[in-house]
Amino acid sequence: MLDAVDRRPGAVVLAVAGYFLLCITLRISVSSSLEIDEAEQAFLSQFLELGYGPQPPFYNWLQYGLAELFGASVATMTILKNGLLLLCCLFYGLAARQVLADRRLAAIAMLGVLALPPVFLLAQRDLSHTVAALFAVGFSAGAARPLAHGCRTFRGIVVSLRLSENDETAQPFLVSPHRPCGGHRPNGEV
């Protein structure tokens, strides 16, 4: 497997994107009726609110935006969910590239996200806010650190995004193994 990844490093990204495209296609073609979680999201995302029952607003706001642009449908709901899961996988792959010397292992780590039951099974049926939490933690792990090394204004934006993720992800954000932007380790590494 490592040799195959070594010959075509972009193939893993294409395979993961293809997997989620297949999930979108299958969901849209199987049934036009909403599952329980999708029906709840379709109802709640008709309104912009600061919170939706016990859930924070991040996922519903994204759903609201898509519904306003393209209309509320199984397709828009499925595209949002699978799009966030794809970004989660890509951000985890980016995080692995930052800490692993072997780029092939980083690609394998990205594929490993697909082995998690909340990603490959449960998220296809429900768990909308869990999908948002997975995306937020993936963003924290993979994108925040390289983006924070940019200009000071951009660093502030990244810190704001990470703090806003705390509302959506609560415990997953708190146990995220990454330091806040600009944090230094005791030995002087960033």
C-alpha atoms as a PDB file:
ATOM      1  CA  MET A   1       0.000   0.000   0.000  1.00  0.00           C
ATOM      2  CA  LEU A   2       2.825   2.391   0.840  1.00  0.00           C
ATOM      3  CA  ASP A   3       4.385   1.788  -2.584  1.00  0.00           C
ATOM      4  CA  ALA A   4       1.096   2.616  -4.307  1.00  0.00           C
ATOM      5  CA  VAL A   5       0.824   5.833  -2.304  1.00  0.00           C
ATOM      6  CA  ASP A   6       4.452   6.628  -3.120  1.00  0.00           C
ATOM      7  CA  ARG A   7       3.831   6.291  -6.881  1.00  0.00           C
ATOM      8  CA  ARG A   8       0.681   8.443  -6.850  1.00  0.00           C
ATOM      9  CA  PRO A   9       0.487  10.641  -3.739  1.00  0.00           C
ATOM     10  CA  GLY A  10      -2.613  12.496  -4.942  1.00  0.00           C
ATOM     11  CA  ALA A  11      -4.503   9.262  -5.492  1.00  0.00           C
ATOM     12  CA  VAL A  12      -5.461   9.028  -1.828  1.00  0.00           C
ATOM     13  CA  VAL A  13      -7.077  12.464  -1.897  1.00  0.00           C
ATOM     14  CA  LEU A  14      -8.934  11.500  -5.060  1.00  0.00           C
ATOM     15  CA  ALA A  15     -10.024   8.195  -3.493  1.00  0.00           C
ATOM     16  CA  VAL A  16     -11.375   9.943  -0.383  1.00  0.00           C
ATOM     17  CA  ALA A  17     -13.158  12.568  -2.506  1.00  0.00           C
ATOM     18  CA  GLY A  18     -14.550   9.782  -4.695  1.00  0.00           C
ATOM     19  CA  TYR A  19     -15.832   7.953  -1.629  1.00  0.00           C
ATOM     20  CA  PHE A  20     -17.798  10.984  -0.463  1.00  0.00           C
ATOM     21  CA  LEU A  21     -19.054  11.671  -3.983  1.00  0.00           C
ATOM     22  CA  LEU A  22     -20.314   8.086  -4.063  1.00  0.00           C
ATOM     23  CA  CYS A  23     -22.018   8.619  -0.680  1.00  0.00           C
ATOM     24  CA  ILE A  24     -23.753  11.733  -2.012  1.00  0.00           C
ATOM     25  CA  THR A  25     -24.856   9.955  -5.182  1.00  0.00           C
ATOM     26  CA  LEU A  26     -26.180   6.921  -3.316  1.00  0.00           C
ATOM     27  CA  ARG A  27     -28.075   9.000  -0.745  1.00  0.00           C
ATOM     28  CA  ILE A  28     -29.756  11.125  -3.391  1.00  0.00           C
ATOM     29  CA  SER A  29     -30.640   8.167  -5.600  1.00  0.00           C
ATOM     30  CA  VAL A  30     -31.903   5.830  -2.856  1.00  0.00           C
ATOM     31  CA  SER A  31     -34.701   7.966  -1.461  1.00  0.00           C
ATOM     32  CA  SER A  32     -36.006  11.502  -1.618  1.00  0.00           C
ATOM     33  CA  SER A  33     -37.517  11.271   1.862  1.00  0.00           C
ATOM     34  CA  LEU A  34     -35.692  12.690   4.848  1.00  0.00           C
ATOM     35  CA  GLU A  35     -34.308  10.638   7.710  1.00  0.00           C
ATOM     36  CA  ILE A  36     -35.233  11.728  11.258  1.00  0.00           C
ATOM     37  CA  ASP A  37     -32.095  13.815  11.802  1.00  0.00           C
ATOM     38  CA  GLU A  38     -32.366  15.354   8.335  1.00  0.00           C
ATOM     39  CA  ALA A  39     -36.002  16.289   8.932  1.00  0.00           C
ATOM     40  CA  GLU A  40     -35.052  17.987  12.192  1.00  0.00           C
ATOM     41  CA  GLN A  41     -32.246  19.894  10.458  1.00  0.00           C
ATOM     42  CA  ALA A  42     -34.541  20.886   7.589  1.00  0.00           C
ATOM     43  CA  PHE A  43     -37.017  22.346  10.059  1.00  0.00           C
ATOM     44  CA  LEU A  44     -34.481  24.064  12.330  1.00  0.00           C
ATOM     45  CA  SER A  45     -32.377  25.520   9.538  1.00  0.00           C
ATOM     46  CA  GLN A  46     -35.298  27.583   8.255  1.00  0.00           C
ATOM     47  CA  PHE A  47     -34.467  30.169  10.917  1.00  0.00           C
ATOM     48  CA  LEU A  48     -31.253  31.867  12.016  1.00  0.00           C
ATOM     49  CA  GLU A  49     -30.984  31.536  15.773  1.00  0.00           C
ATOM     50  CA  LEU A  50     -28.203  31.650  18.344  1.00  0.00           C
ATOM     51  CA  GLY A  51     -28.883  28.077  19.358  1.00  0.00           C
ATOM     52  CA  TYR A  52     -31.204  25.234  18.485  1.00  0.00           C
ATOM     53  CA  GLY A  53     -32.289  23.455  21.635  1.00  0.00           C
ATOM     54  CA  PRO A  54     -29.203  21.877  23.180  1.00  0.00           C
ATOM     55  CA  GLN A  55     -27.193  22.255  19.941  1.00  0.00           C
ATOM     56  CA  PRO A  56     -25.032  25.239  18.986  1.00  0.00           C
ATOM     57  CA  PRO A  57     -25.830  26.990  15.697  1.00  0.00           C
ATOM     58  CA  PHE A  58     -22.788  26.269  13.486  1.00  0.00           C
ATOM     59  CA  TYR A  59     -24.187  23.330  11.486  1.00  0.00           C
ATOM     60  CA  ASN A  60     -27.673  24.865  11.211  1.00  0.00           C
ATOM     61  CA  TRP A  61     -26.243  28.137   9.941  1.00  0.00           C
ATOM     62  CA  LEU A  62     -24.324  26.298   7.233  1.00  0.00           C
ATOM     63  CA  GLN A  63     -27.491  24.396   6.340  1.00  0.00           C
ATOM     64  CA  TYR A  64     -29.478  27.645   6.307  1.00  0.00           C
ATOM     65  CA  GLY A  65     -26.978  29.204   3.888  1.00  0.00           C
ATOM     66  CA  LEU A  66     -27.113  26.246   1.511  1.00  0.00           C
ATOM     67  CA  ALA A  67     -30.901  26.163   1.658  1.00  0.00           C
ATOM     68  CA  GLU A  68     -31.056  29.876   0.848  1.00  0.00           C
ATOM     69  CA  LEU A  69     -28.689  29.456  -2.102  1.00  0.00           C
ATOM     70  CA  PHE A  70     -29.936  26.174  -3.572  1.00  0.00           C
ATOM     71  CA  GLY A  71     -33.193  25.384  -1.793  1.00  0.00           C
ATOM     72  CA  ALA A  72     -33.879  22.875   0.947  1.00  0.00           C
ATOM     73  CA  SER A  73     -33.519  19.334  -0.357  1.00  0.00           C
ATOM     74  CA  VAL A  74     -31.989  15.977   0.387  1.00  0.00           C
ATOM     75  CA  ALA A  75     -29.200  16.945  -2.016  1.00  0.00           C
ATOM     76  CA  THR A  76     -28.177  20.115  -0.163  1.00  0.00           C
ATOM     77  CA  MET A  77     -28.304  18.351   3.188  1.00  0.00           C
ATOM     78  CA  THR A  78     -26.238  15.445   1.880  1.00  0.00           C
ATOM     79  CA  ILE A  79     -23.703  17.705   0.171  1.00  0.00           C
ATOM     80  CA  LEU A  80     -23.157  19.693   3.381  1.00  0.00           C
ATOM     81  CA  LYS A  81     -22.704  16.622   5.551  1.00  0.00           C
ATOM     82  CA  ASN A  82     -20.378  14.807   3.163  1.00  0.00           C
ATOM     83  CA  GLY A  83     -18.522  18.009   2.312  1.00  0.00           C
ATOM     84  CA  LEU A  84     -17.725  18.571   5.985  1.00  0.00           C
ATOM     85  CA  LEU A  85     -16.630  14.943   6.338  1.00  0.00           C
ATOM     86  CA  LEU A  86     -14.372  15.309   3.289  1.00  0.00           C
ATOM     87  CA  LEU A  87     -12.817  18.453   4.762  1.00  0.00           C
ATOM     88  CA  CYS A  88     -12.375  16.601   8.057  1.00  0.00           C
ATOM     89  CA  CYS A  89     -10.396  13.874   6.265  1.00  0.00           C
ATOM     90  CA  LEU A  90      -8.306  16.409   4.361  1.00  0.00           C
ATOM     91  CA  PHE A  91      -7.503  18.391   7.506  1.00  0.00           C
ATOM     92  CA  TYR A  92      -6.496  15.216   9.357  1.00  0.00           C
ATOM     93  CA  GLY A  93      -4.211  14.353   6.441  1.00  0.00           C
ATOM     94  CA  LEU A  94      -2.721  17.843   6.637  1.00  0.00           C
ATOM     95  CA  ALA A  95      -2.190  17.431  10.379  1.00  0.00           C
ATOM     96  CA  ALA A  96      -0.465  14.098   9.801  1.00  0.00           C
ATOM     97  CA  ARG A  97       1.820  15.698   7.192  1.00  0.00           C
ATOM     98  CA  GLN A  98       2.887  18.243   9.807  1.00  0.00           C
ATOM     99  CA  VAL A  99       3.999  15.636  12.320  1.00  0.00           C
ATOM    100  CA  LEU A 100       5.078  12.628  10.211  1.00  0.00           C
ATOM    101  CA  ALA A 101       8.263  12.632   8.193  1.00  0.00           C
ATOM    102  CA  ASP A 102       6.953   9.997   5.778  1.00  0.00           C
ATOM    103  CA  ARG A 103       4.312  11.582   3.507  1.00  0.00           C
ATOM    104  CA  ARG A 104       2.964   8.140   2.662  1.00  0.00           C
ATOM    105  CA  LEU A 105       1.969   7.583   6.286  1.00  0.00           C
ATOM    106  CA  ALA A 106       0.151  10.923   6.289  1.00  0.00           C
ATOM    107  CA  ALA A 107      -1.921   9.723   3.337  1.00  0.00           C
ATOM    108  CA  ILE A 108      -2.678   6.478   5.155  1.00  0.00           C
ATOM    109  CA  ALA A 109      -3.717   8.486   8.230  1.00  0.00           C
ATOM    110  CA  MET A 110      -6.231  10.363   6.087  1.00  0.00           C
ATOM    111  CA  LEU A 111      -7.672   7.055   4.946  1.00  0.00           C
ATOM    112  CA  GLY A 112      -7.775   5.940   8.574  1.00  0.00           C
ATOM    113  CA  VAL A 113     -10.410   8.566   9.336  1.00  0.00           C
ATOM    114  CA  LEU A 114     -12.759   6.620   7.076  1.00  0.00           C
ATOM    115  CA  ALA A 115     -12.384   3.616   9.391  1.00  0.00           C
ATOM    116  CA  LEU A 116     -14.114   5.473  12.229  1.00  0.00           C
ATOM    117  CA  PRO A 117     -17.756   4.353  12.622  1.00  0.00           C
ATOM    118  CA  PRO A 118     -18.979   7.942  13.153  1.00  0.00           C
ATOM    119  CA  VAL A 119     -17.568   8.794   9.716  1.00  0.00           C
ATOM    120  CA  PHE A 120     -18.325   5.820   7.469  1.00  0.00           C
ATOM    121  CA  LEU A 121     -21.568   4.579   9.015  1.00  0.00           C
ATOM    122  CA  LEU A 122     -23.298   6.720  11.608  1.00  0.00           C
ATOM    123  CA  ALA A 123     -22.834  10.074   9.861  1.00  0.00           C
ATOM    124  CA  GLN A 124     -24.578   8.735   6.786  1.00  0.00           C
ATOM    125  CA  ARG A 125     -27.749   8.178   8.832  1.00  0.00           C
ATOM    126  CA  ASP A 126     -27.699  10.990  11.365  1.00  0.00           C
ATOM    127  CA  LEU A 127     -25.231  12.790  13.680  1.00  0.00           C
ATOM    128  CA  SER A 128     -25.256  16.175  11.937  1.00  0.00           C
ATOM    129  CA  HIS A 129     -23.694  17.996  14.865  1.00  0.00           C
ATOM    130  CA  THR A 130     -21.113  15.235  15.310  1.00  0.00           C
ATOM    131  CA  VAL A 131     -20.099  15.850  11.705  1.00  0.00           C
ATOM    132  CA  ALA A 132     -19.640  19.533  12.545  1.00  0.00           C
ATOM    133  CA  ALA A 133     -17.566  18.569  15.596  1.00  0.00           C
ATOM    134  CA  LEU A 134     -15.362  16.250  13.517  1.00  0.00           C
ATOM    135  CA  PHE A 135     -14.841  19.046  10.992  1.00  0.00           C
ATOM    136  CA  ALA A 136     -13.976  21.569  13.720  1.00  0.00           C
ATOM    137  CA  VAL A 137     -11.442  19.293  15.396  1.00  0.00           C
ATOM    138  CA  GLY A 138      -9.969  18.411  12.001  1.00  0.00           C
ATOM    139  CA  PHE A 139      -9.651  22.113  11.217  1.00  0.00           C
ATOM    140  CA  SER A 140      -7.974  22.713  14.567  1.00  0.00           C
ATOM    141  CA  ALA A 141      -5.558  19.846  13.991  1.00  0.00           C
ATOM    142  CA  GLY A 142      -4.701  20.461  10.365  1.00  0.00           C
ATOM    143  CA  ALA A 143      -5.285  24.010   9.245  1.00  0.00           C
ATOM    144  CA  ALA A 144      -4.941  26.282  12.250  1.00  0.00           C
ATOM    145  CA  ARG A 145      -1.212  25.849  12.822  1.00  0.00           C
ATOM    146  CA  PRO A 146       0.049  26.577   9.289  1.00  0.00           C
ATOM    147  CA  LEU A 147      -2.423  29.418   8.855  1.00  0.00           C
ATOM    148  CA  ALA A 148      -1.405  30.962  12.170  1.00  0.00           C
ATOM    149  CA  HIS A 149       2.184  31.394  10.986  1.00  0.00           C
ATOM    150  CA  GLY A 150       0.959  34.054   8.555  1.00  0.00           C
ATOM    151  CA  CYS A 151       0.291  37.688   9.323  1.00  0.00           C
ATOM    152  CA  ARG A 152      -0.867  38.892  12.732  1.00  0.00           C
ATOM    153  CA  THR A 153      -4.395  39.736  11.488  1.00  0.00           C
ATOM    154  CA  PHE A 154      -4.816  36.285  10.009  1.00  0.00           C
ATOM    155  CA  ARG A 155      -3.552  34.762  13.259  1.00  0.00           C
ATOM    156  CA  GLY A 156      -6.342  36.595  15.082  1.00  0.00           C
ATOM    157  CA  ILE A 157      -8.909  35.241  12.640  1.00  0.00           C
ATOM    158  CA  VAL A 158      -7.677  31.677  13.210  1.00  0.00           C
ATOM    159  CA  VAL A 159      -7.830  32.125  16.990  1.00  0.00           C
ATOM    160  CA  SER A 160     -11.381  33.455  16.642  1.00  0.00           C
ATOM    161  CA  LEU A 161     -12.380  30.472  14.510  1.00  0.00           C
ATOM    162  CA  ARG A 162     -10.882  28.063  17.015  1.00  0.00           C
ATOM    163  CA  LEU A 163     -12.666  29.757  19.904  1.00  0.00           C
ATOM    164  CA  SER A 164     -15.968  29.669  18.016  1.00  0.00           C
ATOM    165  CA  GLU A 165     -15.395  25.960  17.421  1.00  0.00           C
ATOM    166  CA  ASN A 166     -15.408  25.560  21.181  1.00  0.00           C
ATOM    167  CA  ASP A 167     -19.126  26.392  21.139  1.00  0.00           C
ATOM    168  CA  GLU A 168     -19.813  23.710  18.544  1.00  0.00           C
ATOM    169  CA  THR A 169     -17.526  20.980  19.770  1.00  0.00           C
ATOM    170  CA  ALA A 170     -17.263  21.499  23.533  1.00  0.00           C
ATOM    171  CA  GLN A 171     -15.364  18.439  24.806  1.00  0.00           C
ATOM    172  CA  PRO A 172     -13.665  17.445  21.517  1.00  0.00           C
ATOM    173  CA  PHE A 173     -12.086  20.885  21.286  1.00  0.00           C
ATOM    174  CA  LEU A 174     -10.931  20.766  24.892  1.00  0.00           C
ATOM    175  CA  VAL A 175      -9.166  17.433  24.423  1.00  0.00           C
ATOM    176  CA  SER A 176      -7.644  18.445  21.085  1.00  0.00           C
ATOM    177  CA  PRO A 177      -3.893  17.800  21.390  1.00  0.00           C
ATOM    178  CA  HIS A 178      -2.878  21.026  19.686  1.00  0.00           C
ATOM    179  CA  ARG A 179      -1.779  24.193  21.374  1.00  0.00           C
ATOM    180  CA  PRO A 180      -3.414  27.544  20.648  1.00  0.00           C
ATOM    181  CA  CYS A 181      -1.937  29.604  17.823  1.00  0.00           C
ATOM    182  CA  GLY A 182       1.526  30.848  18.649  1.00  0.00           C
ATOM    183  CA  GLY A 183       1.946  28.397  21.537  1.00  0.00           C
ATOM    184  CA  HIS A 184       5.468  27.177  22.209  1.00  0.00           C
ATOM    185  CA  ARG A 185       6.633  23.888  23.597  1.00  0.00           C
ATOM    186  CA  PRO A 186       9.092  23.899  26.502  1.00  0.00           C
ATOM    187  CA  ASN A 187      12.012  22.934  24.227  1.00  0.00           C
ATOM    188  CA  GLY A 188      11.402  25.982  22.025  1.00  0.00           C
ATOM    189  CA  GLU A 189       9.647  24.271  19.115  1.00  0.00           C
ATOM    190  CA  VAL A 190       6.532  25.818  17.686  1.00  0.00           C
END
